[in-house]
Every structure is written in structure tokens, then in C-alpha cells.
């Protein structure tokens, strides 16, 4: 199987590349802005992996990239939820507009299937009742979520018009190895990193916000199952299926690491919905139990990875 990952040097992309490369029948192409982004995983990837460079913009030659590919993983996003409402028109052009160009190339190149990584945390909005199922009408309150929903609808349109098969992964809040520990995404990873370094942890709001946290290995296994499975559904929630407050996450991090955390609470952000966790029954009906690693175990694994790779 010829498989290409666009935006492959991110957190999900690196873990997915490691998993997919273990199957010697796969021929994997990893694309990101520079090959240097893959330096930390090159030594553990198999010889069936090649690397390419592209910035996913109006100058991208998608026909050359996608010719001969069977499956396209679309992991590219130029924005994050916290800042996506600041430059809405530019963000939509950079993500939605360029995705249309990519999908048109998929049709021309006879790609068999597109896998898109949407957001279970932002597409549903603030009024959906938890646990949130895939059938809930999406009312995102951030441009980030709006972009994700729009691309989902485009995928349906391209299936309807051209028969381009697709899967949408509405992902909750993954954490674990290869996630940037000092970035703006990933509460569990960031809290673990800050705790190990005895640094101050910033919390927006009073810590009662509830989210759905899932360890990366469970995410990757779920993605592979969805991609390799049948076509009964096109869209799947992927999460742990229950909610945990930010304060509870902090408590667990402190217990697991044996640390007294330095926490500073700041004003809440308008784009943060108070509660969000996903109904994963659709996935589990098709593929069995989804989330197998507890938050306690996941934090231990995340901390061990940081120590073993000299991140802390």
C-alpha cells in the first residue's frame, strides 16, 4: 500500500509514521515543511519510508506528491484553537482553500481514500450534551472548529461528486511521546513536563473545565482500525469516552510524579467550552474497546519518555 502523510512531522504524524512503517508491505511518504523535523524519529523508522518537503500552500504541486498514492492522511493545520479567531479569513484560506486544491489532485491521481483529522474538542461547540455523539449538529465557536467542519463537508462533497472515499477522525485531547511539551496544545503533556522541571503551570479558568484525554498509542491503534475497516461509517469520535477536569489531571500528575505542583490560575478564555467528552460507542461497536491506557499509566509513560530522551 502506498501511503502519504501530509503534515507528518507533528505529534500525531510521527506516532502514526512509526506504526505504519512497521508493516513492510506499506510504502510510506512523509511530507512536512522541512525534512529536519523528522530528525528525532529517522533512526527508528523502517527502510520503507521516504521524506519530502512542502509547505501546503497555493504553490504546492499536489499532483506530483499524490501520483501513485493509495491513501492520503491529511494532518495539516496552520492554526490552533486559542488564536484561530484572530485572523479568520487568512486561516480559512490557508486551510480550507488549500485542502480543496489537494482534494482535486486526489481525484486526478485516483487516490483511493483520504483520512482527515478533525477535532472532537472544537467542532461540536459549547451547548452539546456530553458524551457527545457524531450525530450532534456541529456549532463550533472557534474558527479552528469551523475550518474542521468545513473540510469534513468538502470530503462528503468530493465523495458525492467523484466517489473519493474518506474517513474523518474527530479526535479528543491526545497526549504522550513526541508531543511538544512546551507548546500551546496538550494539557497533560505540558503539565507533566512543567512538573518534572519544577516550573510554574498556567491554568486558564478555575480548573473545573472537563476534557477527554487519551494516550497516543490508543489513538494510533484506533486510526489504523478505522482506516483498514469497512465503510459502515465515515466519521468516528476517538477519545477515552469520559471526562476529567483540569484540576483532577493536575492532582494525578502530582501523585504520579510525587511532586508539589506550582500552579497559577488565570482568567478563562472565551473559546474554552466548559465540558467536552466524546461518545465513542460507534467506534466500539465496530472495533471493540478503544481506550485501554488509564490517565495514571499514560502520565507515567509520558514522563518516562521525556526522561529517556533527555527532554527534561
C-alpha atoms as a PDB file:
ATOM      1  CA  UNK A   1       0.000   0.000   0.000  1.00  0.00           C
ATOM      2  CA  UNK A   2       1.330   3.451  -0.947  1.00  0.00           C
ATOM      3  CA  UNK A   3       0.579   5.869   1.894  1.00  0.00           C
ATOM      4  CA  UNK A   4       1.379   9.571   2.183  1.00  0.00           C
ATOM      5  CA  UNK A   5       1.159  11.672   5.346  1.00  0.00           C
ATOM      6  CA  UNK A   6       0.779  15.415   4.804  1.00  0.00           C
ATOM      7  CA  UNK A   7       1.881  17.345   7.893  1.00  0.00           C
ATOM      8  CA  UNK A   8       3.670  14.246   9.104  1.00  0.00           C
ATOM      9  CA  UNK A   9       6.155  15.900  11.473  1.00  0.00           C
ATOM     10  CA  UNK A  10       3.560  16.785  14.086  1.00  0.00           C
ATOM     11  CA  UNK A  11       2.635  14.813  17.190  1.00  0.00           C
ATOM     12  CA  UNK A  12       0.077  12.542  15.514  1.00  0.00           C
ATOM     13  CA  UNK A  13       2.082  12.215  12.315  1.00  0.00           C
ATOM     14  CA  UNK A  14       5.249  10.968  13.975  1.00  0.00           C
ATOM     15  CA  UNK A  15       3.469   8.334  16.028  1.00  0.00           C
ATOM     16  CA  UNK A  16       1.440   7.257  13.018  1.00  0.00           C
ATOM     17  CA  UNK A  17       4.558   7.042  10.835  1.00  0.00           C
ATOM     18  CA  UNK A  18       6.265   4.781  13.379  1.00  0.00           C
ATOM     19  CA  UNK A  19       3.231   2.471  13.450  1.00  0.00           C
ATOM     20  CA  UNK A  20       2.651   2.321   9.683  1.00  0.00           C
ATOM     21  CA  UNK A  21       6.322   1.763   8.844  1.00  0.00           C
ATOM     22  CA  UNK A  22       6.328  -1.473  10.833  1.00  0.00           C
ATOM     23  CA  UNK A  23       4.296  -3.110   8.065  1.00  0.00           C
ATOM     24  CA  UNK A  24       6.874  -3.862   5.388  1.00  0.00           C
ATOM     25  CA  UNK A  25       4.138  -4.039   2.749  1.00  0.00           C
ATOM     26  CA  UNK A  26       3.500  -0.315   3.206  1.00  0.00           C
ATOM     27  CA  UNK A  27       5.477   2.295   1.285  1.00  0.00           C
ATOM     28  CA  UNK A  28       5.313   5.480   3.346  1.00  0.00           C
ATOM     29  CA  UNK A  29       5.953   9.066   2.233  1.00  0.00           C
ATOM     30  CA  UNK A  30       6.257  11.695   4.967  1.00  0.00           C
ATOM     31  CA  UNK A  31       5.765  15.344   3.993  1.00  0.00           C
ATOM     32  CA  UNK A  32       6.342  18.479   6.049  1.00  0.00           C
ATOM     33  CA  UNK A  33       7.938  21.896   5.672  1.00  0.00           C
ATOM     34  CA  UNK A  34      11.454  20.525   6.150  1.00  0.00           C
ATOM     35  CA  UNK A  35      12.966  17.066   6.473  1.00  0.00           C
ATOM     36  CA  UNK A  36      14.841  18.290   9.534  1.00  0.00           C
ATOM     37  CA  UNK A  37      11.589  17.979  11.502  1.00  0.00           C
ATOM     38  CA  UNK A  38      11.935  14.184  11.311  1.00  0.00           C
ATOM     39  CA  UNK A  39      15.406  14.010  12.857  1.00  0.00           C
ATOM     40  CA  UNK A  40      14.146  12.557  16.130  1.00  0.00           C
ATOM     41  CA  UNK A  41      12.395   9.562  14.526  1.00  0.00           C
ATOM     42  CA  UNK A  42      14.506   8.774  11.447  1.00  0.00           C
ATOM     43  CA  UNK A  43      16.583   6.154  13.244  1.00  0.00           C
ATOM     44  CA  UNK A  44      13.549   4.136  14.349  1.00  0.00           C
ATOM     45  CA  UNK A  45      11.692   4.143  11.032  1.00  0.00           C
ATOM     46  CA  UNK A  46      11.984   1.252   8.615  1.00  0.00           C
ATOM     47  CA  UNK A  47      13.576   1.453   5.171  1.00  0.00           C
ATOM     48  CA  UNK A  48      10.134   1.669   3.535  1.00  0.00           C
ATOM     49  CA  UNK A  49       9.868   5.365   4.463  1.00  0.00           C
ATOM     50  CA  UNK A  50      10.841   8.325   2.271  1.00  0.00           C
ATOM     51  CA  UNK A  51      10.724  12.031   3.106  1.00  0.00           C
ATOM     52  CA  UNK A  52       9.594  15.097   1.223  1.00  0.00           C
ATOM     53  CA  UNK A  53       9.288  18.820   1.804  1.00  0.00           C
ATOM     54  CA  UNK A  54       6.271  21.018   1.171  1.00  0.00           C
ATOM     55  CA  UNK A  55       4.575  23.919   2.953  1.00  0.00           C
ATOM     56  CA  UNK A  56       0.960  23.069   1.972  1.00  0.00           C
ATOM     57  CA  UNK A  57       0.172  26.358   0.265  1.00  0.00           C
ATOM     58  CA  UNK A  58      -1.016  27.732  -3.081  1.00  0.00           C
ATOM     59  CA  UNK A  59       2.300  26.747  -4.686  1.00  0.00           C
ATOM     60  CA  UNK A  60       2.096  23.084  -3.633  1.00  0.00           C
ATOM     61  CA  UNK A  61       2.317  20.628  -6.529  1.00  0.00           C
ATOM     62  CA  UNK A  62      -0.192  18.117  -5.182  1.00  0.00           C
ATOM     63  CA  UNK A  63      -0.324  16.135  -8.423  1.00  0.00           C
ATOM     64  CA  UNK A  64       3.360  15.278  -8.161  1.00  0.00           C
ATOM     65  CA  UNK A  65       3.008  14.448  -4.465  1.00  0.00           C
ATOM     66  CA  UNK A  66      -0.082  12.272  -4.774  1.00  0.00           C
ATOM     67  CA  UNK A  67       0.503  10.414  -8.030  1.00  0.00           C
ATOM     68  CA  UNK A  68       0.592   6.681  -7.285  1.00  0.00           C
ATOM     69  CA  UNK A  69      -0.601   7.070  -3.692  1.00  0.00           C
ATOM     70  CA  UNK A  70      -3.412   4.877  -2.365  1.00  0.00           C
ATOM     71  CA  UNK A  71      -4.149   6.571   0.973  1.00  0.00           C
ATOM     72  CA  UNK A  72      -3.671  10.222   1.946  1.00  0.00           C
ATOM     73  CA  UNK A  73      -3.534  11.257   5.608  1.00  0.00           C
ATOM     74  CA  UNK A  74      -4.398  14.952   5.954  1.00  0.00           C
ATOM     75  CA  UNK A  75      -2.776  16.158   9.191  1.00  0.00           C
ATOM     76  CA  UNK A  76      -2.045  19.725   8.161  1.00  0.00           C
ATOM     77  CA  UNK A  77      -3.338  22.696  10.130  1.00  0.00           C
ATOM     78  CA  UNK A  78      -1.772  26.137  10.199  1.00  0.00           C
ATOM     79  CA  UNK A  79      -3.785  27.279  13.202  1.00  0.00           C
ATOM     80  CA  UNK A  80      -4.679  26.382  16.784  1.00  0.00           C
ATOM     81  CA  UNK A  81      -7.975  26.887  18.644  1.00  0.00           C
ATOM     82  CA  UNK A  82      -6.701  29.578  21.016  1.00  0.00           C
ATOM     83  CA  UNK A  83      -5.736  32.046  18.264  1.00  0.00           C
ATOM     84  CA  UNK A  84      -7.863  30.963  15.301  1.00  0.00           C
ATOM     85  CA  UNK A  85     -10.450  33.750  15.757  1.00  0.00           C
ATOM     86  CA  UNK A  86      -7.841  36.458  15.354  1.00  0.00           C
ATOM     87  CA  UNK A  87      -7.264  36.041  11.603  1.00  0.00           C
ATOM     88  CA  UNK A  88     -10.323  34.193  10.351  1.00  0.00           C
ATOM     89  CA  UNK A  89     -10.144  34.979   6.638  1.00  0.00           C
ATOM     90  CA  UNK A  90      -6.438  34.145   6.392  1.00  0.00           C
ATOM     91  CA  UNK A  91      -6.845  30.910   8.365  1.00  0.00           C
ATOM     92  CA  UNK A  92      -9.762  29.724   6.231  1.00  0.00           C
ATOM     93  CA  UNK A  93      -7.836  30.461   3.036  1.00  0.00           C
ATOM     94  CA  UNK A  94      -4.720  28.703   4.336  1.00  0.00           C
ATOM     95  CA  UNK A  95      -6.520  25.559   5.497  1.00  0.00           C
ATOM     96  CA  UNK A  96      -9.825  25.159   3.671  1.00  0.00           C
ATOM     97  CA  UNK A  97      -8.821  26.663   0.337  1.00  0.00           C
ATOM     98  CA  UNK A  98      -5.603  24.668   0.059  1.00  0.00           C
ATOM     99  CA  UNK A  99      -7.419  21.480   1.114  1.00  0.00           C
ATOM    100  CA  UNK A 100      -9.728  21.925  -1.898  1.00  0.00           C
ATOM    101  CA  UNK A 101      -6.659  22.022  -4.148  1.00  0.00           C
ATOM    102  CA  UNK A 102      -5.388  18.844  -2.515  1.00  0.00           C
ATOM    103  CA  UNK A 103      -8.721  17.025  -2.914  1.00  0.00           C
ATOM    104  CA  UNK A 104      -8.932  17.973  -6.585  1.00  0.00           C
ATOM    105  CA  UNK A 105      -5.475  16.458  -7.040  1.00  0.00           C
ATOM    106  CA  UNK A 106      -6.645  13.301  -5.210  1.00  0.00           C
ATOM    107  CA  UNK A 107      -9.367  12.875  -7.827  1.00  0.00           C
ATOM    108  CA  UNK A 108      -6.972  13.434 -10.726  1.00  0.00           C
ATOM    109  CA  UNK A 109      -4.434  10.998  -9.228  1.00  0.00           C
ATOM    110  CA  UNK A 110      -7.019   8.283  -8.447  1.00  0.00           C
ATOM    111  CA  UNK A 111      -6.300   8.259  -4.710  1.00  0.00           C
ATOM    112  CA  UNK A 112      -8.396   5.556  -3.052  1.00  0.00           C
ATOM    113  CA  UNK A 113      -9.024   7.123   0.374  1.00  0.00           C
ATOM    114  CA  UNK A 114      -8.425  10.340   2.328  1.00  0.00           C
ATOM    115  CA  UNK A 115      -8.104  10.315   6.124  1.00  0.00           C
ATOM    116  CA  UNK A 116      -8.815  13.663   7.759  1.00  0.00           C
ATOM    117  CA  UNK A 117      -8.038  14.577  11.352  1.00  0.00           C
ATOM    118  CA  UNK A 118     -10.838  16.736  12.666  1.00  0.00           C
ATOM    119  CA  UNK A 119     -11.403  17.916  16.240  1.00  0.00           C
ATOM    120  CA  UNK A 120     -13.789  16.346  18.709  1.00  0.00           C
ATOM    121  CA  UNK A 121     -12.886  19.152  21.074  1.00  0.00           C
ATOM    122  CA  UNK A 122     -13.909  22.105  18.883  1.00  0.00           C
ATOM    123  CA  UNK A 123     -16.379  21.094  16.157  1.00  0.00           C
ATOM    124  CA  UNK A 124     -19.335  20.499  18.483  1.00  0.00           C
ATOM    125  CA  UNK A 125     -19.375  23.863  20.258  1.00  0.00           C
ATOM    126  CA  UNK A 126     -20.419  24.751  23.801  1.00  0.00           C
ATOM    127  CA  UNK A 127     -24.048  23.554  24.008  1.00  0.00           C
ATOM    128  CA  UNK A 128     -23.712  19.881  23.057  1.00  0.00           C
ATOM    129  CA  UNK A 129     -24.654  17.442  25.831  1.00  0.00           C
ATOM    130  CA  UNK A 130     -21.894  15.076  26.923  1.00  0.00           C
ATOM    131  CA  UNK A 131     -20.980  12.439  25.999  1.00  0.00           C
ATOM    132  CA  UNK A 132     -21.184  13.919  22.507  1.00  0.00           C
ATOM    133  CA  UNK A 133     -22.058  11.606  19.616  1.00  0.00           C
ATOM    134  CA  UNK A 134     -21.126  12.023  15.966  1.00  0.00           C
ATOM    135  CA  UNK A 135     -24.778  12.788  15.130  1.00  0.00           C
ATOM    136  CA  UNK A 136     -24.844  16.027  17.132  1.00  0.00           C
ATOM    137  CA  UNK A 137     -25.113  19.082  14.889  1.00  0.00           C
ATOM    138  CA  UNK A 138     -21.824  20.986  14.993  1.00  0.00           C
ATOM    139  CA  UNK A 139     -21.844  24.633  16.111  1.00  0.00           C
ATOM    140  CA  UNK A 140     -18.162  25.494  16.606  1.00  0.00           C
ATOM    141  CA  UNK A 141     -17.287  28.684  18.483  1.00  0.00           C
ATOM    142  CA  UNK A 142     -13.774  28.974  17.052  1.00  0.00           C
ATOM    143  CA  UNK A 143     -12.567  29.430  13.503  1.00  0.00           C
ATOM    144  CA  UNK A 144     -10.433  26.336  14.075  1.00  0.00           C
ATOM    145  CA  UNK A 145     -13.533  24.203  14.642  1.00  0.00           C
ATOM    146  CA  UNK A 146     -15.319  25.868  11.732  1.00  0.00           C
ATOM    147  CA  UNK A 147     -12.441  25.006   9.409  1.00  0.00           C
ATOM    148  CA  UNK A 148     -12.560  21.381  10.523  1.00  0.00           C
ATOM    149  CA  UNK A 149     -16.322  21.113   9.916  1.00  0.00           C
ATOM    150  CA  UNK A 150     -15.983  22.775   6.516  1.00  0.00           C
ATOM    151  CA  UNK A 151     -13.309  20.315   5.419  1.00  0.00           C
ATOM    152  CA  UNK A 152     -15.500  17.425   6.629  1.00  0.00           C
ATOM    153  CA  UNK A 153     -18.302  18.708   4.387  1.00  0.00           C
ATOM    154  CA  UNK A 154     -15.905  19.078   1.477  1.00  0.00           C
ATOM    155  CA  UNK A 155     -14.897  15.449   1.874  1.00  0.00           C
ATOM    156  CA  UNK A 156     -18.561  14.452   1.661  1.00  0.00           C
ATOM    157  CA  UNK A 157     -18.963  16.612  -1.447  1.00  0.00           C
ATOM    158  CA  UNK A 158     -15.959  15.010  -3.154  1.00  0.00           C
ATOM    159  CA  UNK A 159     -17.314  11.564  -2.270  1.00  0.00           C
ATOM    160  CA  UNK A 160     -20.720  12.516  -3.687  1.00  0.00           C
ATOM    161  CA  UNK A 161     -19.293  14.042  -6.862  1.00  0.00           C
ATOM    162  CA  UNK A 162     -16.330  11.770  -7.578  1.00  0.00           C
ATOM    163  CA  UNK A 163     -16.614   8.722  -5.309  1.00  0.00           C
ATOM    164  CA  UNK A 164     -13.500   9.706  -3.328  1.00  0.00           C
ATOM    165  CA  UNK A 165     -13.628   7.540  -0.202  1.00  0.00           C
ATOM    166  CA  UNK A 166     -12.788   9.190   3.110  1.00  0.00           C
ATOM    167  CA  UNK A 167     -12.711   8.825   6.890  1.00  0.00           C
ATOM    168  CA  UNK A 168     -12.963  11.603   9.465  1.00  0.00           C
ATOM    169  CA  UNK A 169     -11.326  11.148  12.870  1.00  0.00           C
ATOM    170  CA  UNK A 170     -12.853  13.519  15.415  1.00  0.00           C
ATOM    171  CA  UNK A 171     -10.099  13.385  17.978  1.00  0.00           C
ATOM    172  CA  UNK A 172     -10.381  14.500  21.601  1.00  0.00           C
ATOM    173  CA  UNK A 173      -7.241  15.520  23.544  1.00  0.00           C
ATOM    174  CA  UNK A 174      -4.332  13.162  22.838  1.00  0.00           C
ATOM    175  CA  UNK A 175      -1.112  13.225  24.828  1.00  0.00           C
ATOM    176  CA  UNK A 176       2.138  11.305  25.031  1.00  0.00           C
ATOM    177  CA  UNK A 177       5.518  10.869  23.290  1.00  0.00           C
ATOM    178  CA  UNK A 178       6.551  13.334  20.562  1.00  0.00           C
ATOM    179  CA  UNK A 179       4.030  15.952  21.614  1.00  0.00           C
ATOM    180  CA  UNK A 180       5.751  19.304  22.125  1.00  0.00           C
ATOM    181  CA  UNK A 181       5.935  19.647  25.916  1.00  0.00           C
ATOM    182  CA  UNK A 182       6.309  23.421  25.902  1.00  0.00           C
ATOM    183  CA  UNK A 183       3.770  24.201  23.191  1.00  0.00           C
ATOM    184  CA  UNK A 184       0.254  25.601  23.339  1.00  0.00           C
ATOM    185  CA  UNK A 185      -1.578  22.285  22.884  1.00  0.00           C
ATOM    186  CA  UNK A 186      -1.673  19.229  25.130  1.00  0.00           C
ATOM    187  CA  UNK A 187      -2.518  19.897  28.769  1.00  0.00           C
ATOM    188  CA  UNK A 188      -1.403  16.503  30.089  1.00  0.00           C
ATOM    189  CA  UNK A 189       1.956  16.585  28.315  1.00  0.00           C
ATOM    190  CA  UNK A 190       2.580  20.210  29.257  1.00  0.00           C
ATOM    191  CA  UNK A 191       1.636  19.701  32.911  1.00  0.00           C
ATOM    192  CA  UNK A 192       3.874  16.630  33.128  1.00  0.00           C
ATOM    193  CA  UNK A 193       6.796  18.497  31.570  1.00  0.00           C
ATOM    194  CA  UNK A 194       6.389  21.547  33.799  1.00  0.00           C
ATOM    195  CA  UNK A 195       6.073  19.371  36.898  1.00  0.00           C
ATOM    196  CA  UNK A 196       9.237  17.417  36.093  1.00  0.00           C
ATOM    197  CA  UNK A 197      11.126  20.693  35.643  1.00  0.00           C
ATOM    198  CA  UNK A 198       9.579  22.240  38.767  1.00  0.00           C
ATOM    199  CA  UNK A 199       8.230  25.091  36.643  1.00  0.00           C
ATOM    200  CA  UNK A 200       5.044  27.092  37.046  1.00  0.00           C
ATOM    201  CA  UNK A 201       1.910  25.613  35.452  1.00  0.00           C
ATOM    202  CA  UNK A 202      -0.577  28.091  33.959  1.00  0.00           C
ATOM    203  CA  UNK A 203      -4.271  27.140  34.131  1.00  0.00           C
ATOM    204  CA  UNK A 204      -6.904  29.213  32.343  1.00  0.00           C
ATOM    205  CA  UNK A 205     -10.048  29.453  34.453  1.00  0.00           C
ATOM    206  CA  UNK A 206     -10.602  27.732  37.786  1.00  0.00           C
ATOM    207  CA  UNK A 207      -9.590  24.232  36.642  1.00  0.00           C
ATOM    208  CA  UNK A 208     -13.132  22.841  36.544  1.00  0.00           C
ATOM    209  CA  UNK A 209     -13.164  22.621  32.738  1.00  0.00           C
ATOM    210  CA  UNK A 210     -13.713  18.985  31.725  1.00  0.00           C
ATOM    211  CA  UNK A 211     -11.975  17.339  28.804  1.00  0.00           C
ATOM    212  CA  UNK A 212     -11.488  13.912  27.222  1.00  0.00           C
ATOM    213  CA  UNK A 213      -7.829  12.826  27.433  1.00  0.00           C
ATOM    214  CA  UNK A 214      -6.490   9.817  25.520  1.00  0.00           C
ATOM    215  CA  UNK A 215      -2.995   8.337  25.307  1.00  0.00           C
ATOM    216  CA  UNK A 216      -1.403   8.430  21.851  1.00  0.00           C
ATOM    217  CA  UNK A 217      -0.971   4.645  21.463  1.00  0.00           C
ATOM    218  CA  UNK A 218      -4.727   4.190  21.821  1.00  0.00           C
ATOM    219  CA  UNK A 219      -5.275   6.928  19.231  1.00  0.00           C
ATOM    220  CA  UNK A 220      -2.962   5.346  16.685  1.00  0.00           C
ATOM    221  CA  UNK A 221      -4.466   1.879  17.091  1.00  0.00           C
ATOM    222  CA  UNK A 222      -7.939   3.353  16.633  1.00  0.00           C
ATOM    223  CA  UNK A 223      -6.907   5.218  13.478  1.00  0.00           C
ATOM    224  CA  UNK A 224      -5.466   2.091  11.888  1.00  0.00           C
ATOM    225  CA  UNK A 225      -8.631   0.141  12.716  1.00  0.00           C
ATOM    226  CA  UNK A 226     -10.845   2.813  11.156  1.00  0.00           C
ATOM    227  CA  UNK A 227      -8.724   3.108   8.020  1.00  0.00           C
ATOM    228  CA  UNK A 228      -8.447  -0.642   7.488  1.00  0.00           C
ATOM    229  CA  UNK A 229     -12.066  -1.357   8.479  1.00  0.00           C
ATOM    230  CA  UNK A 230     -15.254  -1.301   6.448  1.00  0.00           C
ATOM    231  CA  UNK A 231     -17.213   1.721   5.270  1.00  0.00           C
ATOM    232  CA  UNK A 232     -20.267   1.491   7.505  1.00  0.00           C
ATOM    233  CA  UNK A 233     -19.463   4.975   8.837  1.00  0.00           C
ATOM    234  CA  UNK A 234     -17.258   7.768   7.557  1.00  0.00           C
ATOM    235  CA  UNK A 235     -16.901   9.722  10.805  1.00  0.00           C
ATOM    236  CA  UNK A 236     -15.697   8.438  14.165  1.00  0.00           C
ATOM    237  CA  UNK A 237     -15.135  10.041  17.540  1.00  0.00           C
ATOM    238  CA  UNK A 238     -11.820   8.934  19.034  1.00  0.00           C
ATOM    239  CA  UNK A 239     -11.354   9.624  22.738  1.00  0.00           C
ATOM    240  CA  UNK A 240     -11.431   7.897  26.104  1.00  0.00           C
ATOM    241  CA  UNK A 241     -15.204   8.332  26.425  1.00  0.00           C
ATOM    242  CA  UNK A 242     -15.305  10.080  29.811  1.00  0.00           C
ATOM    243  CA  UNK A 243     -14.438  13.492  31.162  1.00  0.00           C
ATOM    244  CA  UNK A 244     -11.691  14.575  33.552  1.00  0.00           C
ATOM    245  CA  UNK A 245     -11.347  18.065  34.991  1.00  0.00           C
ATOM    246  CA  UNK A 246      -8.131  20.030  34.645  1.00  0.00           C
ATOM    247  CA  UNK A 247      -7.835  20.063  38.428  1.00  0.00           C
ATOM    248  CA  UNK A 248      -8.084  16.263  38.505  1.00  0.00           C
ATOM    249  CA  UNK A 249      -5.371  15.979  35.848  1.00  0.00           C
ATOM    250  CA  UNK A 250      -3.129  18.193  37.975  1.00  0.00           C
ATOM    251  CA  UNK A 251      -3.845  16.075  41.025  1.00  0.00           C
ATOM    252  CA  UNK A 252      -2.915  12.885  39.165  1.00  0.00           C
ATOM    253  CA  UNK A 253       0.269  14.434  37.747  1.00  0.00           C
ATOM    254  CA  UNK A 254       1.311  15.433  41.277  1.00  0.00           C
ATOM    255  CA  UNK A 255       0.577  11.948  42.668  1.00  0.00           C
ATOM    256  CA  UNK A 256       2.270  10.057  39.823  1.00  0.00           C
ATOM    257  CA  UNK A 257       5.415  12.202  39.879  1.00  0.00           C
ATOM    258  CA  UNK A 258       5.489  12.740  43.644  1.00  0.00           C
ATOM    259  CA  UNK A 259       5.594  16.500  43.137  1.00  0.00           C
ATOM    260  CA  UNK A 260       4.017  19.531  44.743  1.00  0.00           C
ATOM    261  CA  UNK A 261       2.923  21.495  41.693  1.00  0.00           C
ATOM    262  CA  UNK A 262       3.353  25.229  41.201  1.00  0.00           C
ATOM    263  CA  UNK A 263       0.012  26.277  39.725  1.00  0.00           C
ATOM    264  CA  UNK A 264      -1.137  29.748  38.686  1.00  0.00           C
ATOM    265  CA  UNK A 265      -4.782  30.251  37.736  1.00  0.00           C
ATOM    266  CA  UNK A 266      -5.531  32.924  35.146  1.00  0.00           C
ATOM    267  CA  UNK A 267      -8.715  34.324  33.602  1.00  0.00           C
ATOM    268  CA  UNK A 268     -10.683  31.860  31.493  1.00  0.00           C
ATOM    269  CA  UNK A 269     -10.740  32.077  27.695  1.00  0.00           C
ATOM    270  CA  UNK A 270     -13.919  32.611  25.692  1.00  0.00           C
ATOM    271  CA  UNK A 271     -13.102  29.803  23.268  1.00  0.00           C
ATOM    272  CA  UNK A 272     -12.902  27.191  26.073  1.00  0.00           C
ATOM    273  CA  UNK A 273     -16.174  25.252  26.362  1.00  0.00           C
ATOM    274  CA  UNK A 274     -16.873  24.193  29.975  1.00  0.00           C
ATOM    275  CA  UNK A 275     -17.307  20.462  29.273  1.00  0.00           C
ATOM    276  CA  UNK A 276     -16.359  18.247  26.373  1.00  0.00           C
ATOM    277  CA  UNK A 277     -16.038  14.479  26.222  1.00  0.00           C
ATOM    278  CA  UNK A 278     -16.971  12.125  23.435  1.00  0.00           C
ATOM    279  CA  UNK A 279     -19.384   9.272  22.889  1.00  0.00           C
ATOM    280  CA  UNK A 280     -17.178   6.523  21.446  1.00  0.00           C
ATOM    281  CA  UNK A 281     -19.874   3.847  21.186  1.00  0.00           C
ATOM    282  CA  UNK A 282     -19.870   3.958  17.375  1.00  0.00           C
ATOM    283  CA  UNK A 283     -16.188   3.058  17.277  1.00  0.00           C
ATOM    284  CA  UNK A 284     -16.517   0.378  19.947  1.00  0.00           C
ATOM    285  CA  UNK A 285     -19.470  -1.253  18.187  1.00  0.00           C
ATOM    286  CA  UNK A 286     -17.294  -1.644  15.093  1.00  0.00           C
ATOM    287  CA  UNK A 287     -13.845  -2.303  16.553  1.00  0.00           C
ATOM    288  CA  UNK A 288     -14.072  -3.102  20.271  1.00  0.00           C
ATOM    289  CA  UNK A 289     -12.671  -1.259  23.287  1.00  0.00           C
ATOM    290  CA  UNK A 290     -10.970   1.983  22.349  1.00  0.00           C
ATOM    291  CA  UNK A 291      -9.185   3.492  25.340  1.00  0.00           C
ATOM    292  CA  UNK A 292      -7.021   0.932  27.169  1.00  0.00           C
ATOM    293  CA  UNK A 293      -4.433   3.054  28.974  1.00  0.00           C
ATOM    294  CA  UNK A 294      -5.547   4.944  32.100  1.00  0.00           C
ATOM    295  CA  UNK A 295      -4.559   8.556  32.713  1.00  0.00           C
ATOM    296  CA  UNK A 296      -2.282   7.379  35.545  1.00  0.00           C
ATOM    297  CA  UNK A 297      -0.485   4.914  33.282  1.00  0.00           C
ATOM    298  CA  UNK A 298      -0.349   7.386  30.407  1.00  0.00           C
ATOM    299  CA  UNK A 299       1.295  10.056  32.542  1.00  0.00           C
ATOM    300  CA  UNK A 300       3.891   7.546  33.733  1.00  0.00           C
ATOM    301  CA  UNK A 301       4.665   6.589  30.118  1.00  0.00           C
ATOM    302  CA  UNK A 302       4.845  10.232  29.070  1.00  0.00           C
ATOM    303  CA  UNK A 303       7.197  11.131  31.917  1.00  0.00           C
ATOM    304  CA  UNK A 304       9.413   8.109  31.212  1.00  0.00           C
ATOM    305  CA  UNK A 305       9.679   9.116  27.537  1.00  0.00           C
ATOM    306  CA  UNK A 306      10.752  12.621  28.498  1.00  0.00           C
ATOM    307  CA  UNK A 307      13.417  11.315  30.861  1.00  0.00           C
ATOM    308  CA  UNK A 308      14.738   8.689  28.454  1.00  0.00           C
ATOM    309  CA  UNK A 309      15.005  11.207  25.609  1.00  0.00           C
ATOM    310  CA  UNK A 310      16.594  13.969  27.711  1.00  0.00           C
ATOM    311  CA  UNK A 311      13.599  16.269  27.263  1.00  0.00           C
ATOM    312  CA  UNK A 312      13.731  17.093  30.985  1.00  0.00           C
END
